[in-house]
Protein backbone atom coordinates (compact mmCIF):
# COMPACT_ATOMS: atom_id res chain seq x y z
CA UNK A 1 10.78 19.51 177.93
CA UNK A 2 14.01 19.76 179.92
CA UNK A 3 16.24 16.69 179.68
CA UNK A 4 19.40 16.10 181.67
CA UNK A 5 21.94 14.08 179.67
CA UNK A 6 24.49 11.92 181.49
CA UNK A 7 28.13 11.80 180.31
CA UNK A 8 27.67 8.25 179.00
CA UNK A 9 24.96 9.55 176.65
CA UNK A 10 27.23 12.32 175.36
CA UNK A 11 30.06 9.83 174.80
CA UNK A 12 27.69 7.50 172.98
CA UNK A 13 26.58 10.40 170.76
CA UNK A 14 30.20 11.01 169.81
CA UNK A 15 30.77 7.32 169.04
CA UNK A 16 27.46 6.54 167.31
CA UNK A 17 27.70 5.13 163.81
CA UNK A 18 24.42 3.29 163.21
CA UNK A 19 21.47 5.41 162.15
CA UNK A 20 19.23 2.84 163.86
CA UNK A 21 20.72 3.57 167.28
CA UNK A 22 18.54 5.24 169.94
CA UNK A 23 21.53 7.51 170.60
CA UNK A 24 21.42 8.80 167.01
CA UNK A 25 17.70 9.48 167.42
CA UNK A 26 18.42 11.41 170.63
CA UNK A 27 21.19 13.40 168.94
CA UNK A 28 18.84 14.25 166.06
CA UNK A 29 16.07 15.27 168.49
CA UNK A 30 18.57 17.53 170.25
CA UNK A 31 19.76 19.06 166.98
CA UNK A 32 16.23 20.00 165.91
CA UNK A 33 15.22 21.30 169.33
CA UNK A 34 12.71 18.64 170.39
CA UNK A 35 13.98 19.01 173.94
CA UNK A 36 16.03 21.44 175.98
CA UNK A 37 19.26 19.84 177.14
CA UNK A 38 20.56 20.26 180.66
CA UNK A 39 24.20 19.26 181.10
CA UNK A 40 26.21 20.12 184.18
CA UNK A 41 29.71 21.51 183.91
CA UNK A 42 30.65 18.44 185.97
CA UNK A 43 29.32 16.23 183.15
CA UNK A 44 31.44 18.11 180.61
CA UNK A 45 34.49 17.54 182.83
CA UNK A 46 33.58 13.85 183.19
CA UNK A 47 33.25 13.60 179.40
CA UNK A 48 36.69 15.15 178.82
CA UNK A 49 38.34 13.06 181.56
CA UNK A 50 36.83 9.81 180.28
CA UNK A 51 38.04 10.46 176.76
CA UNK A 52 41.50 11.42 177.99
CA UNK A 53 41.85 8.38 180.31
CA UNK A 54 40.50 5.69 178.01
CA UNK A 55 42.54 4.86 174.90
CA UNK A 56 39.48 3.32 173.21
CA UNK A 57 37.69 6.66 173.46
CA UNK A 58 40.65 8.92 172.74
CA UNK A 59 41.41 6.99 169.55
CA UNK A 60 37.85 7.52 168.28
CA UNK A 61 36.76 10.90 169.65
CA UNK A 62 38.71 13.97 168.59
CA UNK A 63 38.87 17.25 170.51
CA UNK A 64 37.02 18.87 167.58
CA UNK A 65 34.15 16.40 168.00
CA UNK A 66 33.90 17.31 171.69
CA UNK A 67 34.09 21.02 170.88
CA UNK A 68 31.28 20.64 168.33
CA UNK A 69 29.04 18.86 170.84
CA UNK A 70 29.78 21.39 173.58
CA UNK A 71 29.04 24.16 171.05
CA UNK A 72 25.63 22.64 170.30
CA UNK A 73 24.89 22.41 174.03
CA UNK A 74 26.02 26.01 174.61
CA UNK A 75 23.90 27.23 171.70
CA UNK A 76 20.89 25.58 173.33
CA UNK A 77 21.85 27.18 176.68
CA UNK A 78 22.12 23.63 177.95
CA UNK A 79 25.29 23.81 180.03
CA UNK A 80 24.56 24.66 183.65
CA UNK A 81 26.93 25.48 186.50
CA UNK A 82 28.08 22.78 188.87
CA UNK A 83 25.99 22.48 192.00
CA UNK A 84 27.46 21.35 195.30
CA UNK A 85 26.54 17.76 195.99
CA UNK A 86 24.22 16.93 198.81
CA UNK A 87 25.36 15.21 201.97
CA UNK A 88 22.41 12.85 201.51
CA UNK A 89 23.37 9.65 199.70
CA UNK A 90 21.08 9.42 196.68
CA UNK A 91 22.53 6.78 194.38
CA UNK A 92 24.42 3.52 194.83
CA UNK A 93 27.40 5.30 193.23
CA UNK A 94 27.70 8.56 195.19
CA UNK A 95 29.86 10.20 192.52
CA UNK A 96 26.74 10.41 190.35
CA UNK A 97 24.63 12.14 193.02
CA UNK A 98 25.35 15.45 191.26
CA UNK A 99 23.05 14.32 188.44
CA UNK A 100 20.08 14.09 190.79
CA UNK A 101 20.98 17.35 192.54
CA UNK A 102 21.32 19.12 189.18
CA UNK A 103 18.06 17.66 187.88
CA UNK A 104 16.23 18.83 191.00
CA UNK A 105 17.75 22.32 190.88
CA UNK A 106 16.93 22.83 187.20
CA UNK A 107 13.52 21.19 187.41
CA UNK A 108 14.15 18.75 184.59
CA UNK A 109 11.45 16.48 183.26
CA UNK A 110 13.73 13.55 182.43
CA UNK A 111 17.24 12.25 183.05
CA UNK A 112 18.60 10.08 180.24
CA UNK A 113 21.36 7.73 181.32
CA UNK A 114 22.83 4.37 180.47
CA UNK A 115 24.26 3.99 183.98
CA UNK A 116 22.57 1.19 185.95
CA UNK A 117 23.14 3.02 189.25
CA UNK A 118 21.30 6.09 187.95
CA UNK A 119 18.56 4.03 186.30
CA UNK A 120 17.99 2.11 189.55
CA UNK A 121 16.89 5.41 191.15
CA UNK A 122 13.91 5.69 188.76
CA UNK A 123 10.63 6.25 190.55
CA UNK A 124 12.22 8.07 193.48
CA UNK A 125 12.04 11.59 192.05
CA UNK A 126 9.47 13.95 190.53
CA UNK A 127 11.18 13.49 187.15
CA UNK A 128 11.57 10.37 185.03
CA UNK A 129 14.89 8.55 184.72
CA UNK A 130 15.04 6.73 181.39
CA UNK A 131 17.43 4.62 179.36
CA UNK A 132 18.10 5.80 175.79
CA UNK A 133 15.57 3.35 174.23
CA UNK A 134 12.90 4.36 176.76
CA UNK A 135 13.55 8.06 176.07
CA UNK A 136 13.23 7.48 172.31
CA UNK A 137 9.92 5.70 172.95
CA UNK A 138 8.76 8.70 175.02
CA UNK A 139 9.78 11.09 172.21
CA UNK A 140 7.84 9.01 169.69
CA UNK A 141 4.80 8.98 171.97
CA UNK A 142 4.95 12.78 172.32
CA UNK A 143 5.18 13.08 168.54
CA UNK A 144 2.17 10.81 168.15
CA UNK A 145 4.06 8.06 166.35
């Protein structure tokens, strides 16, 4: 199962503390190979820029933490090249259109995002667009739990 992860999911993975969090479950599922990640180079840039711009994030997320996460994604062959955005407006926030374009190009099964603008697009594509709790529920269903 190919799963595109939004930058907000990656940031949440780096911040997660509670073992009860859906984000921790997603990170664990990634680490044991329950899904194949798809992360655009644009998402990696967005991750780095967000951490650099926001003192809350930069005080909690170290460059080594980012490097470790990027290393996990690279090991899973999950980082994909940036794809030129479409001229068609897809989302309420056009700067996130690259997520849909990337998901289409790489034939993902699911996008996982915490962004309301991305989530509002659910049902308009051949793939699912799920929040972290909904994705965890889908993983549990696949595992027969």
